Amino acid sequence: MNKRTKWMLAAILTLCGATVVSFGLTACNNAHTDNEESTAQVESVELIRTSQSWDGVELPDYFQGRPELVAVKYVFPVGQKLGWHHHVAMNYGVLVQGELTIIGQDGKTKVVHEGEAVVEMVGTIHHGENRGTKPVILYMFYLSQKDLPLAVQHPDIPLE
């Protein structure tokens, strides 16, 4: 199974899990293919379940009002650094290629490896960089609201 297929399956399983939790439905448990002759089973692997960001801080309560779900694919070339920023909304993702280093302004560091899930910091300034040998491909999912920025940039803080 190629990486794109794995990501798509992970996204579908995530959405199915959210549907089950949100609406009490069991549709994902009864899913089957149109090809009834197939004996292959859907494999479900929970990548992460937590109420904390990667640095151990508890996530905030949900916003009041209508949610806006956003999915973003990020590609970090080798050696690329993303500027200092913080997130207003909760977000998490799956790294499908490479190795991403996330550095908090307080010096805490997290290295995310291929195939791992990560829950980002909320309200805490940090940045990411590709210190690896191949491009990083990261899919992030934001639990936001209309007109909220996905990230607030801090260009006044220099990168080293």
Protein backbone atom coordinates (compact mmCIF):
# COMPACT_ATOMS: atom_id res chain seq x y z
CA MET A 1 0.00 0.00 0.00
CA ASN A 2 1.54 3.35 -1.01
CA LYS A 3 1.81 6.33 1.33
CA ARG A 4 -1.01 8.27 -0.35
CA THR A 5 -3.37 5.31 0.09
CA LYS A 6 -2.31 4.95 3.74
CA TRP A 7 -2.98 8.66 4.33
CA MET A 8 -6.36 8.51 2.65
CA LEU A 9 -7.30 5.46 4.73
CA ALA A 10 -6.16 7.23 7.91
CA ALA A 11 -8.23 10.30 6.99
CA ILE A 12 -11.30 8.17 6.27
CA LEU A 13 -10.89 6.27 9.54
CA THR A 14 -10.44 9.55 11.40
CA LEU A 15 -13.60 10.99 9.86
CA CYS A 16 -15.52 7.79 10.55
CA GLY A 17 -14.34 7.87 14.15
CA ALA A 18 -15.46 11.49 14.46
CA THR A 19 -18.84 10.60 12.97
CA VAL A 20 -19.31 7.74 15.43
CA VAL A 21 -18.39 9.94 18.37
CA SER A 22 -20.41 12.96 17.21
CA PHE A 23 -23.57 11.23 16.10
CA GLY A 24 -23.51 7.85 17.82
CA LEU A 25 -23.57 6.06 14.47
CA THR A 26 -21.94 2.72 13.79
CA ALA A 27 -21.65 3.00 10.02
CA CYS A 28 -17.88 2.50 10.03
CA ASN A 29 -18.23 -0.79 11.90
CA ASN A 30 -20.51 -2.12 9.18
CA ALA A 31 -18.50 -0.87 6.19
CA HIS A 32 -17.84 -3.31 3.37
CA THR A 33 -16.69 -3.22 -0.20
CA ASP A 34 -18.92 -3.61 -3.23
CA ASN A 35 -16.90 -6.70 -4.09
CA GLU A 36 -18.51 -9.26 -1.76
CA GLU A 37 -15.99 -11.89 -2.89
CA SER A 38 -13.14 -10.01 -1.25
CA THR A 39 -11.80 -11.67 1.90
CA ALA A 40 -9.48 -8.81 2.81
CA GLN A 41 -10.45 -7.01 5.99
CA VAL A 42 -10.14 -3.30 6.73
CA GLU A 43 -7.31 -2.75 9.18
CA SER A 44 -7.77 -0.05 11.79
CA VAL A 45 -4.71 1.26 13.63
CA GLU A 46 -5.25 4.04 16.15
CA LEU A 47 -2.32 6.41 15.73
CA ILE A 48 -2.99 8.61 18.74
CA ARG A 49 -5.63 9.33 21.38
CA THR A 50 -4.84 12.15 23.74
CA SER A 51 -6.09 15.34 25.35
CA GLN A 52 -2.59 16.86 25.43
CA SER A 53 -0.31 18.48 22.87
CA TRP A 54 3.10 16.92 22.17
CA ASP A 55 4.68 18.92 25.02
CA GLY A 56 2.28 17.47 27.63
CA VAL A 57 0.05 20.54 27.99
CA GLU A 58 -3.73 19.93 28.25
CA LEU A 59 -5.68 20.99 25.16
CA PRO A 60 -8.23 23.80 25.55
CA ASP A 61 -11.98 23.28 25.58
CA TYR A 62 -13.78 23.35 22.25
CA PHE A 63 -14.94 26.68 20.86
CA GLN A 64 -18.58 27.67 21.16
CA GLY A 65 -20.45 27.79 17.87
CA ARG A 66 -20.19 26.11 14.49
CA PRO A 67 -16.91 24.29 13.81
CA GLU A 68 -14.86 24.52 10.64
CA LEU A 69 -12.68 21.52 9.90
CA VAL A 70 -9.60 22.20 7.77
CA ALA A 71 -7.13 19.69 6.31
CA VAL A 72 -3.77 20.94 4.99
CA LYS A 73 -0.87 19.17 3.30
CA TYR A 74 2.52 20.70 4.13
CA VAL A 75 5.72 19.92 2.25
CA PHE A 76 8.99 21.00 3.89
CA PRO A 77 12.05 20.81 1.60
CA VAL A 78 15.25 19.54 3.20
CA GLY A 79 16.73 22.26 5.41
CA GLN A 80 13.55 24.38 5.38
CA LYS A 81 12.46 26.14 8.58
CA LEU A 82 8.92 27.35 9.19
CA GLY A 83 8.87 30.66 11.08
CA TRP A 84 7.83 31.10 14.70
CA HIS A 85 4.06 30.92 15.10
CA HIS A 86 1.28 29.78 17.41
CA HIS A 87 -2.09 28.15 16.78
CA VAL A 88 -5.45 29.44 17.98
CA ALA A 89 -7.30 26.20 17.25
CA MET A 90 -6.49 22.61 18.10
CA ASN A 91 -4.81 20.64 15.35
CA TYR A 92 -3.17 17.32 14.81
CA GLY A 93 -1.63 15.46 11.94
CA VAL A 94 0.23 12.53 10.48
CA LEU A 95 3.74 12.74 9.07
CA VAL A 96 3.82 10.55 5.97
CA GLN A 97 7.39 11.22 4.81
CA GLY A 98 10.61 12.39 6.39
CA GLU A 99 11.36 13.66 9.86
CA LEU A 100 10.09 16.95 11.32
CA THR A 101 11.64 18.69 14.32
CA ILE A 102 9.30 20.97 16.29
CA ILE A 103 10.90 23.46 18.68
CA GLY A 104 8.99 25.39 21.34
CA GLN A 105 10.09 28.88 22.27
CA ASP A 106 10.92 27.44 25.71
CA GLY A 107 13.43 25.06 24.08
CA LYS A 108 11.33 21.88 24.25
CA THR A 109 11.86 19.78 21.15
CA LYS A 110 9.88 16.99 19.51
CA VAL A 111 11.08 14.95 16.54
CA VAL A 112 8.19 13.46 14.57
CA HIS A 113 9.09 10.44 12.45
CA GLU A 114 7.48 9.01 9.34
CA GLY A 115 4.15 7.36 10.15
CA GLU A 116 3.73 9.11 13.51
CA ALA A 117 0.87 11.34 14.61
CA VAL A 118 1.45 14.64 16.39
CA VAL A 119 -0.85 16.98 18.33
CA GLU A 120 0.32 20.58 17.99
CA MET A 121 0.66 23.16 20.73
CA VAL A 122 -2.21 25.64 21.09
CA GLY A 123 -1.37 29.21 22.10
CA THR A 124 2.33 28.40 22.53
CA ILE A 125 4.94 29.86 20.18
CA HIS A 126 6.97 27.25 18.28
CA HIS A 127 8.39 26.46 14.85
CA GLY A 128 9.17 23.42 12.72
CA GLU A 129 12.12 22.50 10.58
CA ASN A 130 13.28 19.70 8.33
CA ARG A 131 16.67 18.56 9.62
CA GLY A 132 16.37 15.27 7.74
CA THR A 133 17.60 14.01 4.40
CA LYS A 134 14.34 14.00 2.42
CA PRO A 135 11.35 16.33 2.07
CA VAL A 136 8.81 16.22 4.89
CA ILE A 137 5.19 15.62 3.94
CA LEU A 138 2.79 16.36 6.76
CA TYR A 139 -1.02 16.27 6.74
CA MET A 140 -2.59 18.45 9.44
CA PHE A 141 -6.22 18.61 10.56
CA TYR A 142 -7.50 21.78 12.25
CA LEU A 143 -10.59 21.92 14.49
CA SER A 144 -11.28 25.58 13.91
CA GLN A 145 -14.02 28.12 13.23
CA LYS A 146 -14.75 30.36 10.27
CA ASP A 147 -12.35 33.31 9.92
CA LEU A 148 -9.87 32.05 12.53
CA PRO A 149 -6.28 31.89 11.29
CA LEU A 150 -4.66 28.47 11.22
CA ALA A 151 -1.49 30.06 12.59
CA VAL A 152 -0.46 33.46 13.93
CA GLN A 153 3.02 34.35 12.70
CA HIS A 154 5.72 35.96 14.85
CA PRO A 155 8.21 37.38 12.31
CA ASP A 156 9.80 39.54 15.05
CA ILE A 157 11.37 36.41 16.61
CA PRO A 158 14.50 35.48 14.63
CA LEU A 159 15.19 31.89 13.55
CA GLU A 160 18.61 30.58 14.43
